[in-house]
Structures are given as C-alpha cells and as structure tokens.
Amino acid sequence: MNEHHHHDDTDITGDVVLSEKEKLHKLLGFWIKHNEDHAETYREWSEKAENAHLGEIKGLLEEAFKLTLSINTVLREATEKLGHNE
C-alpha cells in the first residue's frame, strides 16, 4: 500500500509569491491529477473485487470511479473559467 498525504502535497508555492488566482489555478491542476490517481486505484480494485466474486463491491468501486471522473469534469470547467477571467 502506498503512502498518501493530502496536505503536504499541496505546497504549490515554495518560496514564490503567487496571487490567489495563480494559487487556485495550480491547486485545480493538483486536485485533478490527485483525483485521477484515486480513480485509477478504484478501477484497479473494482477488477480485483470482481476476480474475488465480490460483484456488489465491484459495482460500488466502479461508481466511485465514475463519480471521481465527474468531479474532475467540474474542476476542469473551473480551470477553464479561471483562464477566461484574466
């Protein structure tokens, strides 16, 4: 099992001073990638659940996979609108 950190990974500024808009743009990209990683894990484990004859669990993990991708659709829309507000 891999280590998973939610807060340490979001240090997006380092020593550079960024505007709130720049920070948000970087955070949106981070969140999208983070969600993609989670979605892939849900998909992998749904297949493992299927192989273990855990059909109900497989279905729930597939749902989590799809919901995560839906969240990314919203985050990408936010990123696009942020870019148009320059």
PDB file of N, CA and C in Angstrom:
ATOM      1  N   MET A   1       0.848  -1.173   0.000  1.00  0.00           N
ATOM      2  CA  MET A   1       0.000   0.000   0.000  1.00  0.00           C
ATOM      3  C   MET A   1       0.894   1.236   0.000  1.00  0.00           C
ATOM      4  N   ASN A   2       0.551   2.234  -0.780  1.00  0.00           N
ATOM      5  CA  ASN A   2       1.385   3.417  -0.857  1.00  0.00           C
ATOM      6  C   ASN A   2       0.970   4.462   0.173  1.00  0.00           C
ATOM      7  N   GLU A   3       1.939   5.339   0.511  1.00  0.00           N
ATOM      8  CA  GLU A   3       1.630   6.414   1.438  1.00  0.00           C
ATOM      9  C   GLU A   3       0.805   7.459   0.720  1.00  0.00           C
ATOM     10  N   HIS A   4      -0.054   8.098   1.470  1.00  0.00           N
ATOM     11  CA  HIS A   4      -0.945   9.058   0.871  1.00  0.00           C
ATOM     12  C   HIS A   4      -1.016  10.286   1.766  1.00  0.00           C
ATOM     13  N   HIS A   5      -0.596  11.414   1.237  1.00  0.00           N
ATOM     14  CA  HIS A   5      -0.599  12.654   2.003  1.00  0.00           C
ATOM     15  C   HIS A   5      -1.490  13.666   1.300  1.00  0.00           C
ATOM     16  N   HIS A   6      -2.407  14.238   2.049  1.00  0.00           N
ATOM     17  CA  HIS A   6      -3.291  15.239   1.460  1.00  0.00           C
ATOM     18  C   HIS A   6      -2.762  16.652   1.629  1.00  0.00           C
ATOM     19  N   HIS A   7      -2.093  16.945   2.714  1.00  0.00           N
ATOM     20  CA  HIS A   7      -1.730  18.322   2.985  1.00  0.00           C
ATOM     21  C   HIS A   7      -0.325  18.662   2.517  1.00  0.00           C
ATOM     22  N   ASP A   8       0.621  17.781   2.720  1.00  0.00           N
ATOM     23  CA  ASP A   8       1.992  18.075   2.335  1.00  0.00           C
ATOM     24  C   ASP A   8       2.131  18.249   0.827  1.00  0.00           C
ATOM     25  N   ASP A   9       1.349  17.524   0.066  1.00  0.00           N
ATOM     26  CA  ASP A   9       1.457  17.559  -1.392  1.00  0.00           C
ATOM     27  C   ASP A   9       0.923  18.848  -1.992  1.00  0.00           C
ATOM     28  N   THR A  10       0.238  19.654  -1.209  1.00  0.00           N
ATOM     29  CA  THR A  10      -0.385  20.844  -1.777  1.00  0.00           C
ATOM     30  C   THR A  10       0.455  22.093  -1.583  1.00  0.00           C
ATOM     31  N   ASP A  11       1.728  21.958  -1.205  1.00  0.00           N
ATOM     32  CA  ASP A  11       2.610  23.116  -1.119  1.00  0.00           C
ATOM     33  C   ASP A  11       2.987  23.495  -2.533  1.00  0.00           C
ATOM     34  N   ILE A  12       2.205  24.395  -3.104  1.00  0.00           N
ATOM     35  CA  ILE A  12       2.345  24.727  -4.515  1.00  0.00           C
ATOM     36  C   ILE A  12       3.154  25.986  -4.744  1.00  0.00           C
ATOM     37  N   THR A  13       3.516  26.678  -3.669  1.00  0.00           N
ATOM     38  CA  THR A  13       4.158  27.968  -3.849  1.00  0.00           C
ATOM     39  C   THR A  13       5.654  27.933  -3.614  1.00  0.00           C
ATOM     40  N   GLY A  14       6.123  27.072  -2.726  1.00  0.00           N
ATOM     41  CA  GLY A  14       7.532  27.098  -2.383  1.00  0.00           C
ATOM     42  C   GLY A  14       7.885  28.473  -1.836  1.00  0.00           C
ATOM     43  N   ASP A  15       8.935  29.083  -2.364  1.00  0.00           N
ATOM     44  CA  ASP A  15       9.343  30.424  -1.916  1.00  0.00           C
ATOM     45  C   ASP A  15       8.797  31.519  -2.824  1.00  0.00           C
ATOM     46  N   VAL A  16       8.008  31.163  -3.821  1.00  0.00           N
ATOM     47  CA  VAL A  16       7.493  32.128  -4.787  1.00  0.00           C
ATOM     48  C   VAL A  16       6.174  32.701  -4.274  1.00  0.00           C
ATOM     49  N   VAL A  17       5.986  34.012  -4.454  1.00  0.00           N
ATOM     50  CA  VAL A  17       4.736  34.650  -4.061  1.00  0.00           C
ATOM     51  C   VAL A  17       3.785  34.601  -5.253  1.00  0.00           C
ATOM     52  N   LEU A  18       2.631  33.967  -5.043  1.00  0.00           N
ATOM     53  CA  LEU A  18       1.636  33.838  -6.101  1.00  0.00           C
ATOM     54  C   LEU A  18       0.356  34.556  -5.700  1.00  0.00           C
ATOM     55  N   SER A  19      -0.377  35.042  -6.689  1.00  0.00           N
ATOM     56  CA  SER A  19      -1.686  35.624  -6.416  1.00  0.00           C
ATOM     57  C   SER A  19      -2.661  34.499  -6.073  1.00  0.00           C
ATOM     58  N   GLU A  20      -3.780  34.863  -5.490  1.00  0.00           N
ATOM     59  CA  GLU A  20      -4.792  33.860  -5.166  1.00  0.00           C
ATOM     60  C   GLU A  20      -5.244  33.133  -6.431  1.00  0.00           C
ATOM     61  N   LYS A  21      -5.368  33.856  -7.515  1.00  0.00           N
ATOM     62  CA  LYS A  21      -5.782  33.247  -8.783  1.00  0.00           C
ATOM     63  C   LYS A  21      -4.741  32.233  -9.263  1.00  0.00           C
ATOM     64  N   GLU A  22      -3.469  32.580  -9.170  1.00  0.00           N
ATOM     65  CA  GLU A  22      -2.405  31.665  -9.573  1.00  0.00           C
ATOM     66  C   GLU A  22      -2.385  30.423  -8.679  1.00  0.00           C
ATOM     67  N   LYS A  23      -2.568  30.639  -7.381  1.00  0.00           N
ATOM     68  CA  LYS A  23      -2.617  29.514  -6.445  1.00  0.00           C
ATOM     69  C   LYS A  23      -3.778  28.593  -6.795  1.00  0.00           C
ATOM     70  N   LEU A  24      -4.927  29.190  -7.054  1.00  0.00           N
ATOM     71  CA  LEU A  24      -6.113  28.400  -7.374  1.00  0.00           C
ATOM     72  C   LEU A  24      -5.897  27.603  -8.651  1.00  0.00           C
ATOM     73  N   HIS A  25      -5.302  28.214  -9.637  1.00  0.00           N
ATOM     74  CA  HIS A  25      -5.040  27.511 -10.899  1.00  0.00           C
ATOM     75  C   HIS A  25      -4.140  26.302 -10.650  1.00  0.00           C
ATOM     76  N   LYS A  26      -3.097  26.491  -9.861  1.00  0.00           N
ATOM     77  CA  LYS A  26      -2.201  25.375  -9.545  1.00  0.00           C
ATOM     78  C   LYS A  26      -2.912  24.308  -8.717  1.00  0.00           C
ATOM     79  N   LEU A  27      -3.725  24.734  -7.759  1.00  0.00           N
ATOM     80  CA  LEU A  27      -4.468  23.775  -6.940  1.00  0.00           C
ATOM     81  C   LEU A  27      -5.441  22.958  -7.775  1.00  0.00           C
ATOM     82  N   LEU A  28      -6.136  23.598  -8.684  1.00  0.00           N
ATOM     83  CA  LEU A  28      -7.074  22.870  -9.539  1.00  0.00           C
ATOM     84  C   LEU A  28      -6.346  21.779 -10.313  1.00  0.00           C
ATOM     85  N   GLY A  29      -5.184  22.108 -10.871  1.00  0.00           N
ATOM     86  CA  GLY A  29      -4.400  21.101 -11.584  1.00  0.00           C
ATOM     87  C   GLY A  29      -3.965  19.969 -10.666  1.00  0.00           C
ATOM     88  N   PHE A  30      -3.545  20.317  -9.461  1.00  0.00           N
ATOM     89  CA  PHE A  30      -3.146  19.307  -8.481  1.00  0.00           C
ATOM     90  C   PHE A  30      -4.321  18.403  -8.143  1.00  0.00           C
ATOM     91  N   TRP A  31      -5.488  19.007  -7.868  1.00  0.00           N
ATOM     92  CA  TRP A  31      -6.664  18.218  -7.486  1.00  0.00           C
ATOM     93  C   TRP A  31      -7.095  17.279  -8.602  1.00  0.00           C
ATOM     94  N   ILE A  32      -7.036  17.757  -9.841  1.00  0.00           N
ATOM     95  CA  ILE A  32      -7.411  16.906 -10.977  1.00  0.00           C
ATOM     96  C   ILE A  32      -6.481  15.702 -11.052  1.00  0.00           C
ATOM     97  N   LYS A  33      -5.186  15.928 -10.970  1.00  0.00           N
ATOM     98  CA  LYS A  33      -4.223  14.814 -11.024  1.00  0.00           C
ATOM     99  C   LYS A  33      -4.428  13.870  -9.844  1.00  0.00           C
ATOM    100  N   HIS A  34      -4.640  14.433  -8.672  1.00  0.00           N
ATOM    101  CA  HIS A  34      -4.855  13.643  -7.465  1.00  0.00           C
ATOM    102  C   HIS A  34      -6.090  12.751  -7.633  1.00  0.00           C
ATOM    103  N   ASN A  35      -7.157  13.323  -8.162  1.00  0.00           N
ATOM    104  CA  ASN A  35      -8.376  12.546  -8.394  1.00  0.00           C
ATOM    105  C   ASN A  35      -8.169  11.460  -9.438  1.00  0.00           C
ATOM    106  N   GLU A  36      -7.392  11.763 -10.480  1.00  0.00           N
ATOM    107  CA  GLU A  36      -7.109  10.750 -11.497  1.00  0.00           C
ATOM    108  C   GLU A  36      -6.389   9.557 -10.876  1.00  0.00           C
ATOM    109  N   ASP A  37      -5.470   9.848  -9.968  1.00  0.00           N
ATOM    110  CA  ASP A  37      -4.761   8.768  -9.278  1.00  0.00           C
ATOM    111  C   ASP A  37      -5.728   7.917  -8.460  1.00  0.00           C
ATOM    112  N   HIS A  38      -6.616   8.592  -7.748  1.00  0.00           N
ATOM    113  CA  HIS A  38      -7.621   7.859  -6.967  1.00  0.00           C
ATOM    114  C   HIS A  38      -8.533   7.035  -7.875  1.00  0.00           C
ATOM    115  N   ALA A  39      -8.991   7.643  -8.954  1.00  0.00           N
ATOM    116  CA  ALA A  39      -9.903   6.955  -9.868  1.00  0.00           C
ATOM    117  C   ALA A  39      -9.268   5.672 -10.400  1.00  0.00           C
ATOM    118  N   GLU A  40      -7.989   5.749 -10.758  1.00  0.00           N
ATOM    119  CA  GLU A  40      -7.298   4.568 -11.265  1.00  0.00           C
ATOM    120  C   GLU A  40      -7.241   3.475 -10.199  1.00  0.00           C
ATOM    121  N   THR A  41      -7.012   3.872  -8.962  1.00  0.00           N
ATOM    122  CA  THR A  41      -6.985   2.905  -7.868  1.00  0.00           C
ATOM    123  C   THR A  41      -8.359   2.260  -7.689  1.00  0.00           C
ATOM    124  N   TYR A  42      -9.424   3.045  -7.757  1.00  0.00           N
ATOM    125  CA  TYR A  42     -10.781   2.490  -7.631  1.00  0.00           C
ATOM    126  C   TYR A  42     -11.046   1.485  -8.740  1.00  0.00           C
ATOM    127  N   ARG A  43     -10.624   1.827  -9.955  1.00  0.00           N
ATOM    128  CA  ARG A  43     -10.835   0.923 -11.090  1.00  0.00           C
ATOM    129  C   ARG A  43     -10.056  -0.368 -10.888  1.00  0.00           C
ATOM    130  N   GLU A  44      -8.801  -0.266 -10.475  1.00  0.00           N
ATOM    131  CA  GLU A  44      -7.986  -1.463 -10.243  1.00  0.00           C
ATOM    132  C   GLU A  44      -8.631  -2.368  -9.190  1.00  0.00           C
ATOM    133  N   TRP A  45      -9.100  -1.770  -8.109  1.00  0.00           N
ATOM    134  CA  TRP A  45      -9.677  -2.569  -7.040  1.00  0.00           C
ATOM    135  C   TRP A  45     -11.065  -3.095  -7.403  1.00  0.00           C
ATOM    136  N   SER A  46     -11.758  -2.425  -8.295  1.00  0.00           N
ATOM    137  CA  SER A  46     -13.044  -2.971  -8.752  1.00  0.00           C
ATOM    138  C   SER A  46     -12.808  -4.266  -9.529  1.00  0.00           C
ATOM    139  N   GLU A  47     -11.727  -4.296 -10.311  1.00  0.00           N
ATOM    140  CA  GLU A  47     -11.379  -5.519 -11.041  1.00  0.00           C
ATOM    141  C   GLU A  47     -10.971  -6.627 -10.078  1.00  0.00           C
ATOM    142  N   LYS A  48     -10.219  -6.261  -9.039  1.00  0.00           N
ATOM    143  CA  LYS A  48      -9.830  -7.256  -8.041  1.00  0.00           C
ATOM    144  C   LYS A  48     -11.056  -7.787  -7.301  1.00  0.00           C
ATOM    145  N   ALA A  49     -12.001  -6.901  -7.021  1.00  0.00           N
ATOM    146  CA  ALA A  49     -13.233  -7.324  -6.349  1.00  0.00           C
ATOM    147  C   ALA A  49     -14.011  -8.281  -7.251  1.00  0.00           C
ATOM    148  N   GLU A  50     -14.041  -7.991  -8.536  1.00  0.00           N
ATOM    149  CA  GLU A  50     -14.727  -8.885  -9.479  1.00  0.00           C
ATOM    150  C   GLU A  50     -14.055 -10.258  -9.489  1.00  0.00           C
ATOM    151  N   ASN A  51     -12.734 -10.264  -9.526  1.00  0.00           N
ATOM    152  CA  ASN A  51     -11.989 -11.535  -9.517  1.00  0.00           C
ATOM    153  C   ASN A  51     -12.233 -12.321  -8.233  1.00  0.00           C
ATOM    154  N   ALA A  52     -12.550 -11.608  -7.149  1.00  0.00           N
ATOM    155  CA  ALA A  52     -12.812 -12.254  -5.857  1.00  0.00           C
ATOM    156  C   ALA A  52     -14.303 -12.556  -5.694  1.00  0.00           C
ATOM    157  N   HIS A  53     -15.069 -12.409  -6.778  1.00  0.00           N
ATOM    158  CA  HIS A  53     -16.504 -12.688  -6.786  1.00  0.00           C
ATOM    159  C   HIS A  53     -17.257 -11.795  -5.795  1.00  0.00           C
ATOM    160  N   LEU A  54     -16.834 -10.526  -5.751  1.00  0.00           N
ATOM    161  CA  LEU A  54     -17.480  -9.529  -4.903  1.00  0.00           C
ATOM    162  C   LEU A  54     -18.157  -8.498  -5.804  1.00  0.00           C
ATOM    163  N   GLY A  55     -19.176  -8.965  -6.505  1.00  0.00           N
ATOM    164  CA  GLY A  55     -19.836  -8.147  -7.515  1.00  0.00           C
ATOM    165  C   GLY A  55     -20.400  -6.844  -6.990  1.00  0.00           C
ATOM    166  N   GLU A  56     -20.992  -6.881  -5.790  1.00  0.00           N
ATOM    167  CA  GLU A  56     -21.572  -5.655  -5.241  1.00  0.00           C
ATOM    168  C   GLU A  56     -20.477  -4.624  -4.941  1.00  0.00           C
ATOM    169  N   ILE A  57     -19.364  -5.096  -4.412  1.00  0.00           N
ATOM    170  CA  ILE A  57     -18.236  -4.211  -4.124  1.00  0.00           C
ATOM    171  C   ILE A  57     -17.659  -3.668  -5.425  1.00  0.00           C
ATOM    172  N   LYS A  58     -17.539  -4.531  -6.429  1.00  0.00           N
ATOM    173  CA  LYS A  58     -17.059  -4.087  -7.738  1.00  0.00           C
ATOM    174  C   LYS A  58     -17.915  -2.945  -8.247  1.00  0.00           C
ATOM    175  N   GLY A  59     -19.238  -3.108  -8.160  1.00  0.00           N
ATOM    176  CA  GLY A  59     -20.147  -2.072  -8.631  1.00  0.00           C
ATOM    177  C   GLY A  59     -19.985  -0.760  -7.882  1.00  0.00           C
ATOM    178  N   LEU A  60     -19.802  -0.835  -6.588  1.00  0.00           N
ATOM    179  CA  LEU A  60     -19.624   0.379  -5.789  1.00  0.00           C
ATOM    180  C   LEU A  60     -18.309   1.078  -6.112  1.00  0.00           C
ATOM    181  N   LEU A  61     -17.252   0.305  -6.319  1.00  0.00           N
ATOM    182  CA  LEU A  61     -15.975   0.909  -6.687  1.00  0.00           C
ATOM    183  C   LEU A  61     -16.027   1.510  -8.087  1.00  0.00           C
ATOM    184  N   GLU A  62     -16.762   0.881  -8.990  1.00  0.00           N
ATOM    185  CA  GLU A  62     -16.960   1.466 -10.329  1.00  0.00           C
ATOM    186  C   GLU A  62     -17.715   2.787 -10.217  1.00  0.00           C
ATOM    187  N   GLU A  63     -18.695   2.821  -9.331  1.00  0.00           N
ATOM    188  CA  GLU A  63     -19.441   4.066  -9.115  1.00  0.00           C
ATOM    189  C   GLU A  63     -18.513   5.155  -8.574  1.00  0.00           C
ATOM    190  N   ALA A  64     -17.653   4.798  -7.615  1.00  0.00           N
ATOM    191  CA  ALA A  64     -16.689   5.766  -7.076  1.00  0.00           C
ATOM    192  C   ALA A  64     -15.769   6.268  -8.185  1.00  0.00           C
ATOM    193  N   PHE A  65     -15.342   5.369  -9.067  1.00  0.00           N
ATOM    194  CA  PHE A  65     -14.510   5.731 -10.213  1.00  0.00           C
ATOM    195  C   PHE A  65     -15.215   6.776 -11.076  1.00  0.00           C
ATOM    196  N   LYS A  66     -16.460   6.508 -11.426  1.00  0.00           N
ATOM    197  CA  LYS A  66     -17.223   7.415 -12.289  1.00  0.00           C
ATOM    198  C   LYS A  66     -17.490   8.754 -11.611  1.00  0.00           C
ATOM    199  N   LEU A  67     -17.812   8.724 -10.333  1.00  0.00           N
ATOM    200  CA  LEU A  67     -18.059   9.964  -9.594  1.00  0.00           C
ATOM    201  C   LEU A  67     -16.794  10.823  -9.522  1.00  0.00           C
ATOM    202  N   THR A  68     -15.662  10.181  -9.347  1.00  0.00           N
ATOM    203  CA  THR A  68     -14.406  10.911  -9.294  1.00  0.00           C
ATOM    204  C   THR A  68     -14.124  11.585 -10.631  1.00  0.00           C
ATOM    205  N   LEU A  69     -14.393  10.880 -11.721  1.00  0.00           N
ATOM    206  CA  LEU A  69     -14.213  11.487 -13.042  1.00  0.00           C
ATOM    207  C   LEU A  69     -15.183  12.644 -13.252  1.00  0.00           C
ATOM    208  N   SER A  70     -16.388  12.535 -12.689  1.00  0.00           N
ATOM    209  CA  SER A  70     -17.362  13.624 -12.771  1.00  0.00           C
ATOM    210  C   SER A  70     -16.870  14.855 -12.017  1.00  0.00           C
ATOM    211  N   ILE A  71     -16.262  14.628 -10.870  1.00  0.00           N
ATOM    212  CA  ILE A  71     -15.687  15.739 -10.108  1.00  0.00           C
ATOM    213  C   ILE A  71     -14.623  16.431 -10.950  1.00  0.00           C
ATOM    214  N   ASN A  72     -13.799  15.652 -11.633  1.00  0.00           N
ATOM    215  CA  ASN A  72     -12.765  16.251 -12.467  1.00  0.00           C
ATOM    216  C   ASN A  72     -13.350  17.061 -13.611  1.00  0.00           C
ATOM    217  N   THR A  73     -14.488  16.667 -14.126  1.00  0.00           N
ATOM    218  CA  THR A  73     -15.151  17.456 -15.162  1.00  0.00           C
ATOM    219  C   THR A  73     -15.478  18.844 -14.628  1.00  0.00           C
ATOM    220  N   VAL A  74     -15.978  18.904 -13.405  1.00  0.00           N
ATOM    221  CA  VAL A  74     -16.308  20.185 -12.776  1.00  0.00           C
ATOM    222  C   VAL A  74     -15.036  20.998 -12.519  1.00  0.00           C
ATOM    223  N   LEU A  75     -13.992  20.338 -12.030  1.00  0.00           N
ATOM    224  CA  LEU A  75     -12.734  21.038 -11.767  1.00  0.00           C
ATOM    225  C   LEU A  75     -12.106  21.561 -13.059  1.00  0.00           C
ATOM    226  N   ARG A  76     -12.214  20.806 -14.130  1.00  0.00           N
ATOM    227  CA  ARG A  76     -11.686  21.283 -15.419  1.00  0.00           C
ATOM    228  C   ARG A  76     -12.481  22.486 -15.915  1.00  0.00           C
ATOM    229  N   GLU A  77     -13.787  22.467 -15.695  1.00  0.00           N
ATOM    230  CA  GLU A  77     -14.618  23.616 -16.077  1.00  0.00           C
ATOM    231  C   GLU A  77     -14.196  24.848 -15.269  1.00  0.00           C
ATOM    232  N   ALA A  78     -13.938  24.665 -13.985  1.00  0.00           N
ATOM    233  CA  ALA A  78     -13.464  25.776 -13.154  1.00  0.00           C
ATOM    234  C   ALA A  78     -12.134  26.303 -13.673  1.00  0.00           C
ATOM    235  N   THR A  79     -11.238  25.396 -14.055  1.00  0.00           N
ATOM    236  CA  THR A  79      -9.936  25.801 -14.604  1.00  0.00           C
ATOM    237  C   THR A  79     -10.127  26.611 -15.864  1.00  0.00           C
ATOM    238  N   GLU A  80     -11.012  26.165 -16.727  1.00  0.00           N
ATOM    239  CA  GLU A  80     -11.270  26.874 -17.986  1.00  0.00           C
ATOM    240  C   GLU A  80     -11.841  28.262 -17.715  1.00  0.00           C
ATOM    241  N   LYS A  81     -12.810  28.355 -16.814  1.00  0.00           N
ATOM    242  CA  LYS A  81     -13.404  29.668 -16.498  1.00  0.00           C
ATOM    243  C   LYS A  81     -12.390  30.576 -15.827  1.00  0.00           C
ATOM    244  N   LEU A  82     -11.510  30.030 -15.029  1.00  0.00           N
ATOM    245  CA  LEU A  82     -10.471  30.820 -14.390  1.00  0.00           C
ATOM    246  C   LEU A  82      -9.570  31.426 -15.442  1.00  0.00           C
ATOM    247  N   GLY A  83      -9.257  30.658 -16.470  1.00  0.00           N
ATOM    248  CA  GLY A  83      -8.412  31.158 -17.558  1.00  0.00           C
ATOM    249  C   GLY A  83      -9.074  32.257 -18.356  1.00  0.00           C
ATOM    250  N   HIS A  84     -10.416  32.255 -18.418  1.00  0.00           N
ATOM    251  CA  HIS A  84     -11.143  33.276 -19.164  1.00  0.00           C
ATOM    252  C   HIS A  84     -11.320  34.561 -18.367  1.00  0.00           C
ATOM    253  N   ASN A  85     -11.016  34.537 -17.086  1.00  0.00           N
ATOM    254  CA  ASN A  85     -11.192  35.708 -16.226  1.00  0.00           C
ATOM    255  C   ASN A  85      -9.898  36.491 -16.073  1.00  0.00           C
ATOM    256  N   GLU A  86      -9.087  36.511 -17.094  1.00  0.00           N
ATOM    257  CA  GLU A  86      -7.796  37.202 -16.976  1.00  0.00           C
ATOM    258  C   GLU A  86      -7.917  38.651 -17.340  1.00  0.00           C
TER     259      GLU A  86
END
